[in-house]
Each structure stands twice: as C-alpha cells, then as structure tokens.
C-alpha cells in the first residue's frame, strides 16, 4: 500500500460508517504522517490547492472553518506555497462565497488565529495589503498580536517591508531622533513647531517624505486627523515635490480599517481648497477630476464649493496647457477649435480655455476683418477633461459675459436651449450661472434686444430660489427700451435724405 494508504483507509471507514472511523481519520492526518502524505500527493500530481481549501462540501460547509485549520495553519500554508500559491488579503477578508456571512477573519477571531495570519512568510512582498488587513482586525486582537498600543510589531513590519526593498518610516524618523510618538506629537500638540520639524529633517539630510505623511497611528489615522497638519499641508507638499514625490488619488482615498480617508479629513477640517490647489494638479487634470468625483455632496461647502473647484480646475488647466495657447496666431476659426493636446482622449481647445478670454476682443476683430464667423455651434464643442462645452467652460471660469458678447459681434445670439444644456454633473448652464450669482450677465439687455418673449422663456426656467437675484420688471423695462432704441436707429438709417 502506498504512502497515502491512511487516507484510503479513512475514506473507506467513512463510507462504511464505522463506529471507529474517527480513529482512521486521525491516523491519516496525524502529525507524524503529514510530511509523507504531502510527498505522496505531490509525486502523484494530486495536489491540494487553495481552491480545494475554500471549496464547500455538499451541504455548503467550508471545511477549513475550524480550530484545526488554525492549529495546522503553518503546514497548510507551506502546502499551498509549495504548489506555487499563497494566501492573500482577499482570502482572509472576503466572505467564503457570495452567500456566506463569514470569512477567515471571522474564523480567526473565533478560534484565536490572528497570530497565525500576521507572520512574515504569509505576507512576503505584500506589506500594504498586510497593513490594510491589520487595521481591519479588532483592536483587542491587534494588542495581543502586535504591541500593547495596537501597532504592527516593528520586527514583522521590517521583515515584510525588507522583502520589497523598503524600510519602515519609523526607522527613518528614529535615525533623525524622533520616535513615533514624537512625530505624531508635532501635529497634535500646539507647542510643537511643524516648520522646525521640517527644518530639522533638512538639517539631517532628510525631507518630509510621503511615507511619513501617510504613516498610520494605532487607530489607522494619519497626521491629517489633526487640524494642525493642514496648516502645514502646503509646506509638506512643497517639500515632497522638491524631492520627486506627490500625493496620488489613491493616497487621498486610502482608508485604514474604519478610519476616514485623508480626503474626508480635509472636508471635516474645511481644507479641501488645499487638496485641490491648482499647482498640485498641473499635468494631472484627470486625476484632479477623479478625486473631485469622490467628494460627497455634503462636503461641497465653502471654501470648496463646486464653483471653487471649477475655478481651480480652470487654473490647473491653464498651468498645464497655457504655454500651448497660440496667443499670436489665433486669427483663424480653425485654430480656436483645434486641440492644444492633439491625440489626447479629452481635447482641450483654445476656445474652451480660461486664458483665451484675455485675447478675445483682438481675436474677434481679426476674424471679422477676414470674413470669418464664429457660431453658437462652435461654442458647443467639448473641451477639457470633463467634456464640457466651450460655453460651459467660459461660464465656469467667470467668462460667460465675455463669451456672449463675443458671439454678438458675429451676429449670434444665445437661445433658450443653450441655457438648458447640462454639464458633466447634470446642472444646466442657467443653474451654473445662478449658483455663481451671475444672472445679471444672462439678462444683459443687448442679448435680448427684440427678443422679449424669448427672454421671458429663460426667466420661466429659473429655479424659484434664484429669482431673488434679479429684478424681473426692471430687466423687462431695460430690454424693451433697448429694443425701441434699436428700432429707432434702424428707422433713421433707412430714411432717405431730403
């Protein structure tokens, strides 16, 4: 009989429902026989895979959800590792199946298995996922596995990070004479100077590394839990940038366990304007827009309202593409509509850029002298990462009045449908302008001369709360007066001389 005979005996005993079947099962899987048994399986290409471990039986039970799994975890892990596989974050954190309510983390909590999970050989080359799982582990278990404060054991951290060629930020700070407590104290205590700390790093040949800023405390929070850290944010980002580092979208969104993300902390401290400062996002417009998409509606309040973001985006776009604006060569309609970033997924057109409006009057004069005409349709061309129309971009950068007057020079007048066009967030142009309290620009008399009824149609589309911004009666009077003046002017022009 081969080395796997004990398994066969156990199977037979189970099939026969022998009263002593347990004896054979124990014999098959006893400690002394395990090595020979695994060798036999390997030799016969009968491997135990990770999928086998998680496969449910006919009743839907997961066989590894037992105390014995954790008792023999090292052997089981070695077995699947010898087959070229390993346990991952998802294996521990995800439910066993779409219908299961438990995961290996639940099993570890019930059967005291956490100390088996957080071992170097399990997480080699995957520190960040280990850290993520650590902060999803209940604090009492973390205190028993790590240290009494609930931090990851520094020896474990060093070993796993070393497998990736990394060094714990605690070690870098320690070399500068700062303990972990000292570091967090700089940002939690008013008596500590953040500028002095950064200067001390510089004196020691170091700088404010991103890994320092993102180092979690025992609860999973970073320094940005503290309002004082936001006062130093610009200095931190500047120091990082000088050394080729920057915060990515994933850094702002990362959560350690149940803690809030850095983006959420910024909203809480009303410092989102620092996060979306334009110069931080030069050449990263798509990332800027992506991060804004994660800002909850309830966070969009002063100083970082949607209008403030649109202004920041316009500034960041100018920083990114302003040098490509053909300032001395825009006397052709085709130039205004040709993307300054050819081949890009999101075209940026000169007509849609904030910087264009500094040249608009000159450009209009040049185009008219050449007989070229700009139309409303031209202003409906998309421009920018968000795919907004050039007209919407003008409105969001504070240049709607300029755009409307620019079109008037070519005999083009905006219509009701233009004001009802929606942006990427679903807001109409009319609502965008109302939110910016720019309705006076919408109802400039020169835009509605001879079109009182059409203007009234736009007024009817105003939200009730926005109507207090304008004096409807006074606007009507001004437009009718402008209409009469135009009619008189046309009549005089047509009169023949005596």
Protein backbone atom coordinates (compact mmCIF):
# COMPACT_ATOMS: atom_id res chain seq x y z
CA UNK A 1 0.00 0.00 0.00
CA UNK A 2 1.34 3.46 -0.91
CA UNK A 3 2.08 6.30 1.49
CA UNK A 4 -1.46 7.62 1.05
CA UNK A 5 -2.93 4.38 2.41
CA UNK A 6 -4.16 6.06 5.55
CA UNK A 7 -6.34 8.41 3.52
CA UNK A 8 -7.82 5.44 1.67
CA UNK A 9 -8.50 3.74 4.97
CA UNK A 10 -10.18 6.83 6.30
CA UNK A 11 -12.35 7.12 3.18
CA UNK A 12 -13.38 3.50 3.39
CA UNK A 13 -14.10 3.78 7.09
CA UNK A 14 -16.27 6.86 6.46
CA UNK A 15 -18.11 5.26 3.58
CA UNK A 16 -18.82 2.25 5.76
CA UNK A 17 -19.87 4.46 8.62
CA UNK A 18 -17.68 2.51 11.00
CA UNK A 19 -18.00 3.45 14.60
CA UNK A 20 -14.24 3.87 14.76
CA UNK A 21 -13.96 5.98 11.58
CA UNK A 22 -12.57 8.87 13.60
CA UNK A 23 -9.58 6.73 14.53
CA UNK A 24 -8.71 6.25 10.86
CA UNK A 25 -9.15 9.92 10.12
CA UNK A 26 -6.84 10.81 12.97
CA UNK A 27 -4.35 8.26 11.76
CA UNK A 28 -4.47 9.64 8.21
CA UNK A 29 -3.85 13.20 9.31
CA UNK A 30 -1.68 12.73 12.33
CA UNK A 31 1.35 14.93 12.79
CA UNK A 32 3.95 12.24 12.08
CA UNK A 33 2.37 11.16 8.84
CA UNK A 34 1.75 14.63 7.34
CA UNK A 35 5.09 15.05 5.54
CA UNK A 36 4.99 11.64 3.91
CA UNK A 37 1.39 12.22 2.96
CA UNK A 38 2.13 15.53 1.23
CA UNK A 39 5.08 13.95 -0.63
CA UNK A 40 2.83 11.17 -1.86
CA UNK A 41 0.29 13.65 -3.16
CA UNK A 42 2.97 15.68 -4.89
CA UNK A 43 4.56 12.67 -6.54
CA UNK A 44 1.21 11.54 -7.90
CA UNK A 45 0.28 15.11 -9.04
CA UNK A 46 -2.60 15.01 -6.59
CA UNK A 47 -2.05 18.46 -5.18
CA UNK A 48 -4.08 20.25 -2.56
CA UNK A 49 -4.72 23.74 -3.92
CA UNK A 50 -6.05 26.89 -2.30
CA UNK A 51 -9.26 26.40 -4.24
CA UNK A 52 -9.65 22.99 -2.60
CA UNK A 53 -9.43 24.58 0.83
CA UNK A 54 -12.26 27.00 0.10
CA UNK A 55 -14.46 24.53 -1.78
CA UNK A 56 -17.71 23.81 0.11
CA UNK A 57 -18.95 20.30 0.71
CA UNK A 58 -22.29 19.01 -0.50
CA UNK A 59 -24.01 20.81 2.37
CA UNK A 60 -22.28 24.09 1.62
CA UNK A 61 -19.94 23.87 4.61
CA UNK A 62 -16.42 25.28 4.38
CA UNK A 63 -14.19 22.58 5.86
CA UNK A 64 -11.39 24.94 6.90
CA UNK A 65 -13.65 26.97 9.20
CA UNK A 66 -12.48 25.01 12.24
CA UNK A 67 -10.00 25.33 15.11
CA UNK A 68 -7.87 22.68 13.42
CA UNK A 69 -7.25 24.90 10.40
CA UNK A 70 -5.56 27.46 12.64
CA UNK A 71 -3.78 24.80 14.65
CA UNK A 72 -2.18 23.49 11.44
CA UNK A 73 -2.05 26.79 9.56
CA UNK A 74 1.72 26.73 9.07
CA UNK A 75 1.56 23.29 7.45
CA UNK A 76 -1.39 24.25 5.28
CA UNK A 77 0.29 27.45 4.18
CA UNK A 78 3.50 25.58 3.37
CA UNK A 79 1.49 23.08 1.35
CA UNK A 80 -0.20 25.61 -0.92
CA UNK A 81 3.01 27.63 -1.18
CA UNK A 82 4.83 24.54 -2.44
CA UNK A 83 2.22 24.43 -5.19
CA UNK A 84 3.05 27.99 -6.25
CA UNK A 85 0.20 29.73 -4.48
CA UNK A 86 -0.23 31.77 -1.30
CA UNK A 87 -2.86 33.36 0.89
CA UNK A 88 -3.87 36.92 0.01
CA UNK A 89 -5.74 39.79 1.63
CA UNK A 90 -8.92 38.77 -0.20
CA UNK A 91 -8.64 35.20 1.09
CA UNK A 92 -8.71 36.47 4.65
CA UNK A 93 -11.11 39.40 4.33
CA UNK A 94 -13.69 38.28 1.77
CA UNK A 95 -16.68 36.05 2.57
CA UNK A 96 -16.18 32.41 1.68
CA UNK A 97 -18.80 32.74 -1.05
CA UNK A 98 -21.46 35.13 -2.30
CA UNK A 99 -23.93 33.61 0.14
CA UNK A 100 -21.61 33.15 3.11
CA UNK A 101 -21.66 35.52 6.04
CA UNK A 102 -18.23 34.55 7.34
CA UNK A 103 -14.64 34.98 6.28
CA UNK A 104 -11.33 33.65 7.52
CA UNK A 105 -11.05 36.80 9.65
CA UNK A 106 -14.25 35.79 11.46
CA UNK A 107 -12.86 32.28 11.85
CA UNK A 108 -9.56 33.65 13.19
CA UNK A 109 -11.40 35.77 15.74
CA UNK A 110 -13.46 32.83 16.96
CA UNK A 111 -10.63 30.33 17.02
CA UNK A 112 -7.75 32.58 18.11
CA UNK A 113 -5.92 32.51 14.80
CA UNK A 114 -4.81 36.10 14.30
CA UNK A 115 -1.27 35.39 15.44
CA UNK A 116 -1.01 32.85 12.62
CA UNK A 117 -2.09 35.35 9.96
CA UNK A 118 0.41 38.08 10.76
CA UNK A 119 3.64 36.23 10.07
CA UNK A 120 6.41 37.29 7.63
CA UNK A 121 6.17 34.22 5.42
CA UNK A 122 2.49 34.89 4.74
CA UNK A 123 2.98 38.48 3.53
CA UNK A 124 6.33 38.43 1.79
CA UNK A 125 6.31 41.13 -0.89
CA UNK A 126 2.85 42.42 0.08
CA UNK A 127 3.22 44.80 3.02
CA UNK A 128 0.48 47.28 2.08
CA UNK A 129 -2.19 44.58 1.95
CA UNK A 130 -1.00 43.20 5.26
CA UNK A 131 -1.31 46.66 6.78
CA UNK A 132 -4.80 47.03 5.34
CA UNK A 133 -5.85 43.73 6.94
CA UNK A 134 -4.18 44.72 10.20
CA UNK A 135 -6.42 47.74 10.64
CA UNK A 136 -9.47 45.62 9.88
CA UNK A 137 -8.54 43.37 12.78
CA UNK A 138 -10.31 44.11 16.11
CA UNK A 139 -8.18 46.18 18.48
CA UNK A 140 -8.02 43.56 21.28
CA UNK A 141 -6.56 41.07 18.83
CA UNK A 142 -4.12 43.65 17.49
CA UNK A 143 -2.92 44.41 21.00
CA UNK A 144 -2.24 40.73 21.61
CA UNK A 145 -0.53 40.12 18.27
CA UNK A 146 1.36 43.42 17.80
CA UNK A 147 2.09 45.51 20.86
CA UNK A 148 0.01 46.89 23.67
CA UNK A 149 -0.79 50.06 21.68
CA UNK A 150 -2.14 48.06 18.76
CA UNK A 151 0.64 48.84 16.26
CA UNK A 152 2.05 46.21 13.92
CA UNK A 153 5.05 44.55 15.50
CA UNK A 154 8.02 46.54 14.21
CA UNK A 155 10.03 43.37 13.60
CA UNK A 156 7.26 41.98 11.40
CA UNK A 157 6.99 45.31 9.61
CA UNK A 158 10.74 45.45 8.94
CA UNK A 159 10.88 41.91 7.63
CA UNK A 160 7.93 42.23 5.24
CA UNK A 161 9.00 45.67 4.02
CA UNK A 162 12.54 44.41 3.50
CA UNK A 163 11.14 41.78 1.13
CA UNK A 164 10.06 44.73 -1.06
CA UNK A 165 13.26 46.71 -0.61
CA UNK A 166 11.58 49.16 1.76
CA UNK A 167 12.32 50.47 5.23
CA UNK A 168 9.66 51.35 7.84
CA UNK A 169 9.16 55.12 8.14
CA UNK A 170 9.57 54.69 11.90
CA UNK A 171 13.19 53.68 11.29
CA UNK A 172 13.83 56.75 9.13
CA UNK A 173 12.39 59.02 11.80
CA UNK A 174 14.33 57.23 14.52
CA UNK A 175 17.57 58.00 12.69
CA UNK A 176 16.63 61.69 12.94
CA UNK A 177 15.99 61.40 16.65
CA UNK A 178 12.20 61.18 16.52
CA UNK A 179 10.14 58.38 17.97
CA UNK A 180 6.75 57.56 16.53
CA UNK A 181 5.12 59.38 19.46
CA UNK A 182 7.35 62.42 18.87
CA UNK A 183 6.32 62.54 15.22
CA UNK A 184 2.58 62.49 15.86
CA UNK A 185 3.11 64.94 18.70
CA UNK A 186 4.43 67.53 16.25
CA UNK A 187 0.98 67.69 14.66
CA UNK A 188 -1.23 67.06 17.68
CA UNK A 189 0.37 69.50 20.16
CA UNK A 190 0.18 73.25 19.72
CA UNK A 191 3.51 73.66 21.48
CA UNK A 192 5.34 71.83 18.69
CA UNK A 193 6.51 73.68 15.58
CA UNK A 194 5.90 71.95 12.24
CA UNK A 195 8.33 74.26 10.43
CA UNK A 196 11.03 73.48 13.00
CA UNK A 197 10.41 69.77 12.43
CA UNK A 198 10.77 70.12 8.66
CA UNK A 199 13.91 72.21 9.11
CA UNK A 200 15.34 69.56 11.43
CA UNK A 201 14.75 66.93 8.74
CA UNK A 202 16.62 69.13 6.25
CA UNK A 203 19.50 69.66 8.68
CA UNK A 204 19.80 65.89 8.98
CA UNK A 205 19.86 65.42 5.21
CA UNK A 206 16.27 64.25 5.02
CA UNK A 207 12.96 65.76 3.92
CA UNK A 208 9.27 65.32 4.66
CA UNK A 209 8.77 62.03 2.89
CA UNK A 210 5.36 60.89 1.72
CA UNK A 211 5.77 57.75 3.79
CA UNK A 212 6.00 59.94 6.89
CA UNK A 213 2.79 61.76 5.98
CA UNK A 214 0.93 58.50 5.30
CA UNK A 215 2.23 56.56 8.32
CA UNK A 216 -0.83 55.45 10.33
CA UNK A 217 -1.17 55.68 14.07
CA UNK A 218 -2.53 52.78 16.10
CA UNK A 219 -6.08 53.69 15.10
CA UNK A 220 -5.23 53.87 11.41
CA UNK A 221 -5.30 57.67 11.11
CA UNK A 222 -2.50 59.76 9.63
CA UNK A 223 -1.26 63.16 10.79
CA UNK A 224 -4.15 64.70 8.83
CA UNK A 225 -6.50 63.72 11.61
CA UNK A 226 -5.16 66.82 13.35
CA UNK A 227 -6.14 70.31 12.13
CA UNK A 228 -2.58 71.50 12.69
CA UNK A 229 -1.36 69.20 9.93
CA UNK A 230 -3.49 71.08 7.42
CA UNK A 231 -1.80 74.31 8.38
CA UNK A 232 1.46 72.67 7.33
CA UNK A 233 -0.01 70.95 4.25
CA UNK A 234 1.39 73.35 1.66
CA UNK A 235 4.86 73.11 3.18
CA UNK A 236 4.68 69.32 3.27
CA UNK A 237 3.55 69.09 -0.37
CA UNK A 238 6.19 71.59 -1.45
CA UNK A 239 8.93 69.62 0.31
CA UNK A 240 7.73 66.36 -1.22
CA UNK A 241 7.56 67.90 -4.70
CA UNK A 242 11.14 69.16 -4.41
CA UNK A 243 12.19 65.53 -3.96
CA UNK A 244 10.04 63.99 -6.70
CA UNK A 245 7.12 62.85 -4.53
CA UNK A 246 3.45 63.77 -4.56
CA UNK A 247 0.15 62.58 -3.20
CA UNK A 248 -1.78 60.38 -5.61
CA UNK A 249 -5.55 59.91 -5.79
CA UNK A 250 -5.16 56.56 -4.03
CA UNK A 251 -3.35 58.26 -1.13
CA UNK A 252 -6.26 60.64 -0.56
CA UNK A 253 -8.79 57.81 -0.70
CA UNK A 254 -6.97 55.18 1.33
CA UNK A 255 -8.72 54.07 4.49
CA UNK A 256 -7.15 52.06 7.27
CA UNK A 257 -9.89 50.00 8.81
CA UNK A 258 -12.81 52.14 9.95
CA UNK A 259 -10.88 55.42 9.84
CA UNK A 260 -11.77 58.23 7.47
CA UNK A 261 -9.69 58.89 4.37
CA UNK A 262 -7.43 61.92 4.08
CA UNK A 263 -9.96 63.42 1.66
CA UNK A 264 -12.67 63.01 4.30
CA UNK A 265 -10.43 64.56 6.93
CA UNK A 266 -9.84 67.56 4.65
CA UNK A 267 -13.59 68.01 4.27
CA UNK A 268 -14.05 67.74 8.04
CA UNK A 269 -11.44 70.44 8.65
CA UNK A 270 -12.76 72.58 5.76
CA UNK A 271 -9.45 72.42 3.96
CA UNK A 272 -10.46 70.84 0.64
CA UNK A 273 -9.21 74.01 -1.04
CA UNK A 274 -5.71 72.93 -0.03
CA UNK A 275 -6.18 69.49 -1.55
CA UNK A 276 -7.42 70.99 -4.83
CA UNK A 277 -4.90 73.80 -5.04
CA UNK A 278 -4.28 74.18 -8.81
CA UNK A 279 -0.49 73.91 -8.80
CA UNK A 280 -0.72 70.50 -7.12
CA UNK A 281 -2.59 69.19 -10.16
CA UNK A 282 -0.64 70.66 -13.05
CA UNK A 283 -0.30 67.93 -15.71
CA UNK A 284 -2.73 65.75 -13.69
CA UNK A 285 -6.12 67.11 -14.71
CA UNK A 286 -7.78 63.71 -14.99
CA UNK A 287 -6.60 62.79 -11.51
CA UNK A 288 -7.92 66.10 -10.19
CA UNK A 289 -11.36 65.44 -11.66
CA UNK A 290 -11.32 61.83 -10.46
CA UNK A 291 -10.58 62.91 -6.90
CA UNK A 292 -13.33 65.54 -7.00
CA UNK A 293 -15.78 62.79 -8.01
CA UNK A 294 -15.14 61.25 -4.59
CA UNK A 295 -16.09 64.44 -2.74
CA UNK A 296 -19.52 63.88 -1.20
CA UNK A 297 -22.18 66.49 -1.88
CA UNK A 298 -22.31 67.33 1.83
CA UNK A 299 -18.63 68.26 1.75
CA UNK A 300 -19.02 70.78 -1.08
CA UNK A 301 -19.22 73.90 1.02
CA UNK A 302 -17.02 76.96 1.46
CA UNK A 303 -14.17 77.23 0.86
CA UNK A 304 -14.51 74.39 -1.69
CA UNK A 305 -17.84 74.72 -3.44
CA UNK A 306 -18.44 73.30 -6.94
CA UNK A 307 -17.79 76.79 -8.30
CA UNK A 308 -14.49 76.94 -6.40
CA UNK A 309 -13.49 73.59 -7.85
CA UNK A 310 -14.34 74.75 -11.37
CA UNK A 311 -12.13 77.80 -10.84
CA UNK A 312 -9.33 75.59 -9.52
CA UNK A 313 -9.69 73.24 -12.49
CA UNK A 314 -9.56 76.15 -14.94
CA UNK A 315 -6.39 77.41 -13.26
CA UNK A 316 -4.81 73.94 -13.31
CA UNK A 317 -5.73 73.58 -16.99
CA UNK A 318 -4.06 76.92 -17.70
CA UNK A 319 -0.93 75.80 -15.86
CA UNK A 320 -0.92 72.58 -17.88
CA UNK A 321 -1.68 73.93 -21.35
CA UNK A 322 -1.35 77.71 -21.13
CA UNK A 323 2.03 77.68 -22.81
CA UNK A 324 0.48 75.89 -25.80
CA UNK A 325 -2.18 78.55 -26.37
CA UNK A 326 -1.30 80.09 -29.76
CA UNK A 327 -1.63 83.63 -28.42
CA UNK A 328 -0.07 85.23 -31.51
CA UNK A 329 -1.77 83.00 -34.06
CA UNK A 330 -5.49 82.86 -33.30
CA UNK A 331 -6.79 84.86 -36.21
CA UNK A 332 -8.47 81.78 -37.69
CA UNK A 333 -11.54 79.92 -36.55
CA UNK A 334 -9.85 76.57 -37.13
CA UNK A 335 -7.09 77.49 -34.68
CA UNK A 336 -9.60 78.25 -31.93
CA UNK A 337 -11.17 74.81 -32.30
CA UNK A 338 -8.01 72.75 -32.79
CA UNK A 339 -6.97 70.94 -29.57
CA UNK A 340 -3.75 72.10 -27.97
CA UNK A 341 -3.26 68.47 -26.87
CA UNK A 342 -3.60 66.58 -30.17
CA UNK A 343 -4.33 62.88 -29.81
CA UNK A 344 -5.43 63.16 -26.18
CA UNK A 345 -8.58 61.40 -25.01
CA UNK A 346 -10.03 64.72 -23.83
CA UNK A 347 -9.33 67.57 -26.27
CA UNK A 348 -8.56 70.99 -24.82
CA UNK A 349 -9.46 73.72 -27.32
CA UNK A 350 -8.25 77.33 -27.14
CA UNK A 351 -11.89 78.47 -27.26
CA UNK A 352 -12.56 76.47 -24.09
CA UNK A 353 -9.58 77.72 -22.11
CA UNK A 354 -9.77 80.44 -19.48
CA UNK A 355 -6.69 82.16 -20.89
CA UNK A 356 -8.40 82.72 -24.25
CA UNK A 357 -10.59 85.49 -22.89
CA UNK A 358 -7.65 87.80 -22.43
CA UNK A 359 -7.31 87.84 -26.23
CA UNK A 360 -10.98 87.60 -27.21
CA UNK A 361 -11.57 91.19 -28.36
CA UNK A 362 -8.46 91.22 -30.55
CA UNK A 363 -9.29 87.81 -32.00
CA UNK A 364 -12.86 88.88 -32.83
CA UNK A 365 -11.58 91.96 -34.68
CA UNK A 366 -9.11 89.87 -36.68
CA UNK A 367 -11.69 87.22 -37.59
CA UNK A 368 -14.23 89.83 -38.72
CA UNK A 369 -11.61 91.54 -40.86
CA UNK A 370 -11.05 88.22 -42.63
CA UNK A 371 -14.75 87.50 -43.01
CA UNK A 372 -14.70 84.51 -40.67
CA UNK A 373 -17.66 83.95 -38.39
CA UNK A 374 -17.90 82.21 -35.01
CA UNK A 375 -21.21 80.49 -34.27
CA UNK A 376 -23.15 79.11 -31.33
CA UNK A 377 -22.34 75.64 -32.62
CA UNK A 378 -18.63 76.38 -32.24
CA UNK A 379 -19.19 77.08 -28.56
CA UNK A 380 -20.92 73.71 -28.19
CA UNK A 381 -17.67 71.87 -28.98
CA UNK A 382 -16.37 69.85 -26.00
CA UNK A 383 -13.21 70.95 -24.25
CA UNK A 384 -11.38 69.71 -21.15
CA UNK A 385 -11.25 66.55 -19.09
CA UNK A 386 -14.91 66.81 -18.07
CA UNK A 387 -16.08 67.11 -21.66
CA UNK A 388 -17.86 70.41 -21.01
CA UNK A 389 -18.79 72.66 -23.91
CA UNK A 390 -16.63 75.69 -24.57
CA UNK A 391 -19.56 77.85 -23.48
CA UNK A 392 -19.89 75.96 -20.20
CA UNK A 393 -16.15 76.26 -19.66
CA UNK A 394 -16.40 80.01 -20.20
CA UNK A 395 -19.21 80.24 -17.66
CA UNK A 396 -17.34 78.19 -15.08
CA UNK A 397 -14.20 80.26 -15.44
CA UNK A 398 -16.16 83.51 -14.95
CA UNK A 399 -16.21 84.49 -18.62
CA UNK A 400 -19.82 83.93 -19.66
CA UNK A 401 -20.49 87.64 -20.31
CA UNK A 402 -17.38 87.79 -22.48
CA UNK A 403 -18.50 84.74 -24.45
CA UNK A 404 -21.99 86.14 -25.00
CA UNK A 405 -20.64 89.49 -26.22
CA UNK A 406 -18.06 87.71 -28.37
CA UNK A 407 -20.87 85.90 -30.19
CA UNK A 408 -22.86 89.12 -30.58
CA UNK A 409 -20.02 90.59 -32.60
CA UNK A 410 -20.71 87.87 -35.17
CA UNK A 411 -24.47 88.41 -35.07
CA UNK A 412 -25.02 85.26 -32.97
CA UNK A 413 -27.38 85.27 -30.00
CA UNK A 414 -27.78 82.59 -27.34
CA UNK A 415 -31.11 80.83 -27.22
CA UNK A 416 -33.15 79.11 -24.52
CA UNK A 417 -31.79 75.66 -25.43
CA UNK A 418 -28.24 76.90 -24.87
CA UNK A 419 -29.09 77.79 -21.29
CA UNK A 420 -30.63 74.38 -20.70
CA UNK A 421 -27.57 72.41 -21.84
CA UNK A 422 -26.23 70.31 -18.93
CA UNK A 423 -22.70 69.93 -17.61
CA UNK A 424 -20.99 66.73 -16.50
CA UNK A 425 -22.72 66.97 -13.11
CA UNK A 426 -26.16 67.34 -14.67
CA UNK A 427 -26.55 71.08 -13.96
CA UNK A 428 -27.89 73.36 -16.66
CA UNK A 429 -25.88 76.35 -17.80
CA UNK A 430 -28.61 78.55 -16.33
CA UNK A 431 -28.27 76.90 -12.92
CA UNK A 432 -24.48 77.05 -13.07
CA UNK A 433 -24.64 80.80 -13.60
CA UNK A 434 -27.28 81.19 -10.89
CA UNK A 435 -25.13 79.27 -8.42
CA UNK A 436 -22.34 81.72 -9.16
CA UNK A 437 -24.77 84.63 -8.78
CA UNK A 438 -24.11 85.74 -12.36
CA UNK A 439 -27.70 86.03 -13.59
CA UNK A 440 -27.19 89.72 -14.38
CA UNK A 441 -24.90 88.53 -17.18
CA UNK A 442 -27.65 86.28 -18.53
CA UNK A 443 -30.08 89.19 -18.78
CA UNK A 444 -27.82 91.85 -20.25
CA UNK A 445 -30.16 93.97 -22.42
CA UNK A 446 -28.01 93.64 -25.55
CA UNK A 447 -28.50 89.85 -25.51
CA UNK A 448 -32.29 90.13 -25.73
CA UNK A 449 -32.94 93.15 -27.92
CA UNK A 450 -36.05 92.37 -29.98
CA UNK A 451 -36.49 89.08 -28.12
CA UNK A 452 -38.50 89.94 -25.03
CA UNK A 453 -40.68 86.83 -25.31
CA UNK A 454 -37.61 84.56 -25.57
CA UNK A 455 -36.07 86.25 -22.55
CA UNK A 456 -39.27 85.61 -20.60
CA UNK A 457 -38.90 81.94 -21.52
CA UNK A 458 -35.47 81.89 -19.87
CA UNK A 459 -36.87 83.59 -16.78
CA UNK A 460 -39.55 80.91 -16.54
CA UNK A 461 -36.80 78.25 -16.36
CA UNK A 462 -35.17 79.84 -13.34
CA UNK A 463 -35.42 77.93 -10.09
CA UNK A 464 -37.69 79.69 -7.61
CA UNK A 465 -34.81 80.25 -5.18
CA UNK A 466 -32.76 82.01 -7.88
CA UNK A 467 -35.32 84.63 -8.88
CA UNK A 468 -34.40 86.87 -5.97
CA UNK A 469 -31.10 87.58 -7.76
CA UNK A 470 -32.80 89.65 -10.43
CA UNK A 471 -35.48 92.32 -10.76
CA UNK A 472 -37.68 90.83 -13.47
CA UNK A 473 -39.67 94.02 -14.02
CA UNK A 474 -36.58 96.22 -14.30
CA UNK A 475 -34.94 93.75 -16.70
CA UNK A 476 -38.03 93.80 -18.89
CA UNK A 477 -38.02 97.58 -18.97
CA UNK A 478 -34.34 97.76 -19.94
CA UNK A 479 -34.76 95.21 -22.73
CA UNK A 480 -37.84 96.95 -24.14
CA UNK A 481 -36.01 100.28 -24.06
CA UNK A 482 -33.02 98.74 -25.84
CA UNK A 483 -35.40 97.25 -28.41
CA UNK A 484 -37.04 100.64 -29.06
CA UNK A 485 -33.65 102.32 -29.41
CA UNK A 486 -32.58 99.72 -31.94
CA UNK A 487 -35.81 100.13 -33.92
CA UNK A 488 -35.39 103.90 -33.95
CA UNK A 489 -31.80 103.53 -35.07
CA UNK A 490 -32.82 101.22 -37.91
CA UNK A 491 -35.62 103.57 -38.95
CA UNK A 492 -33.27 106.58 -39.10
CA UNK A 493 -30.77 104.57 -41.07
CA UNK A 494 -33.41 103.74 -43.68
CA UNK A 495 -34.71 107.36 -44.12
CA UNK A 496 -33.70 108.99 -47.42
CA UNK A 497 -32.09 112.42 -47.27
CA UNK A 498 -34.20 115.41 -48.40
